[in-house]
């Protein structure tokens, strides 16, 4: 199950305790969940440099769909993660984006 990362405390924890990972056009800041039975919490940092709102929202939806796929096969670790993208991400096909996100998630070491 995937939950939204919300609240000042969550983002403060990411800032203070988080580890950073970068793969291709995606990056993330993550920290482990205090209780491993808690769902993975996800937030996105998709800036205006990527394009207008339609483009940014499409990318966010695509990332969410891929994360749901990864969660359904048990590839998501119990973490809180903030995922960001570079402007080059917009040009990727869905399969390229899936591969990049899978590499990013597999680089998270608990």
Protein backbone atom coordinates (compact mmCIF):
# COMPACT_ATOMS: atom_id res chain seq x y z
CA UNK A 1 0.00 0.00 0.00
CA UNK A 2 1.19 3.50 -0.79
CA UNK A 3 0.29 6.57 1.25
CA UNK A 4 0.88 10.27 0.71
CA UNK A 5 3.75 11.83 2.61
CA UNK A 6 2.19 14.74 4.49
CA UNK A 7 2.92 17.08 7.30
CA UNK A 8 5.78 19.24 8.42
CA UNK A 9 7.19 16.51 10.64
CA UNK A 10 7.54 14.10 7.71
CA UNK A 11 9.41 16.59 5.53
CA UNK A 12 11.58 17.74 8.45
CA UNK A 13 12.53 14.11 9.03
CA UNK A 14 13.41 13.71 5.34
CA UNK A 15 15.61 16.81 5.55
CA UNK A 16 17.39 15.79 8.75
CA UNK A 17 17.67 12.01 8.41
CA UNK A 18 17.17 11.43 4.70
CA UNK A 19 19.60 9.83 2.28
CA UNK A 20 19.80 10.94 -1.34
CA UNK A 21 19.89 8.78 -4.44
CA UNK A 22 20.13 9.88 -8.07
CA UNK A 23 19.61 7.66 -11.10
CA UNK A 24 19.41 8.98 -14.64
CA UNK A 25 16.77 11.74 -14.73
CA UNK A 26 15.20 10.94 -11.34
CA UNK A 27 16.36 11.60 -7.77
CA UNK A 28 14.95 10.88 -4.35
CA UNK A 29 15.43 11.63 -0.70
CA UNK A 30 14.35 8.78 1.56
CA UNK A 31 14.39 7.55 5.12
CA UNK A 32 13.11 4.27 6.58
CA UNK A 33 9.71 4.07 8.21
CA UNK A 34 9.89 3.87 12.03
CA UNK A 35 7.52 0.89 11.92
CA UNK A 36 8.20 -1.49 8.97
CA UNK A 37 4.52 -2.43 8.86
CA UNK A 38 3.60 1.17 7.92
CA UNK A 39 2.87 1.76 4.23
CA UNK A 40 5.40 3.42 1.96
CA UNK A 41 4.85 7.19 1.96
CA UNK A 42 5.52 9.06 -1.28
CA UNK A 43 5.73 12.75 -2.18
CA UNK A 44 6.77 14.37 -5.45
CA UNK A 45 8.91 17.39 -6.23
CA UNK A 46 8.02 18.26 -9.80
CA UNK A 47 9.08 21.84 -10.46
CA UNK A 48 7.87 24.37 -13.02
CA UNK A 49 11.06 23.91 -15.04
CA UNK A 50 9.53 20.68 -16.37
CA UNK A 51 6.73 22.51 -18.15
CA UNK A 52 3.16 23.65 -17.68
CA UNK A 53 0.81 22.06 -15.14
CA UNK A 54 -0.58 19.57 -17.68
CA UNK A 55 2.90 18.15 -18.30
CA UNK A 56 3.83 18.06 -14.62
CA UNK A 57 0.57 16.36 -13.65
CA UNK A 58 0.96 13.77 -16.41
CA UNK A 59 4.44 12.92 -15.13
CA UNK A 60 3.15 12.65 -11.57
CA UNK A 61 0.34 10.29 -12.69
CA UNK A 62 2.81 8.14 -14.63
CA UNK A 63 5.13 7.90 -11.62
CA UNK A 64 2.20 6.97 -9.34
CA UNK A 65 1.10 4.23 -11.76
CA UNK A 66 4.60 2.75 -11.83
CA UNK A 67 4.85 2.90 -8.04
CA UNK A 68 1.53 1.03 -7.77
CA UNK A 69 2.94 -1.67 -10.09
CA UNK A 70 6.10 -1.96 -7.99
CA UNK A 71 4.03 -2.13 -4.80
CA UNK A 72 1.80 -4.88 -6.18
CA UNK A 73 4.84 -7.12 -6.77
CA UNK A 74 6.43 -6.24 -3.43
CA UNK A 75 9.35 -4.15 -4.72
CA UNK A 76 8.68 -1.07 -2.59
CA UNK A 77 10.58 -0.94 0.70
CA UNK A 78 8.90 0.53 3.83
CA UNK A 79 10.26 4.08 3.46
CA UNK A 80 9.18 7.69 3.23
CA UNK A 81 10.40 9.00 -0.11
CA UNK A 82 10.42 12.34 -1.92
CA UNK A 83 10.83 11.79 -5.68
CA UNK A 84 12.00 14.52 -8.03
CA UNK A 85 12.70 14.77 -11.74
CA UNK A 86 14.89 16.74 -14.13
CA UNK A 87 13.43 18.38 -17.27
CA UNK A 88 14.82 15.53 -19.43
CA UNK A 89 12.31 13.18 -17.76
CA UNK A 90 9.47 14.62 -19.86
CA UNK A 91 10.99 13.15 -23.04
CA UNK A 92 11.09 9.56 -21.73
CA UNK A 93 8.65 6.90 -22.85
CA UNK A 94 6.62 5.08 -20.20
CA UNK A 95 8.89 2.00 -20.36
CA UNK A 96 12.03 4.16 -20.02
CA UNK A 97 10.47 5.99 -17.08
CA UNK A 98 9.55 2.63 -15.48
CA UNK A 99 13.12 1.37 -15.88
CA UNK A 100 14.56 4.60 -14.38
CA UNK A 101 12.17 4.49 -11.42
CA UNK A 102 12.88 0.79 -10.79
CA UNK A 103 16.62 1.54 -10.74
CA UNK A 104 16.02 4.43 -8.35
CA UNK A 105 13.92 2.33 -5.97
CA UNK A 106 16.36 -0.60 -6.10
CA UNK A 107 19.18 1.79 -5.10
CA UNK A 108 17.44 2.44 -1.76
CA UNK A 109 19.30 0.31 0.77
CA UNK A 110 17.74 -0.23 4.18
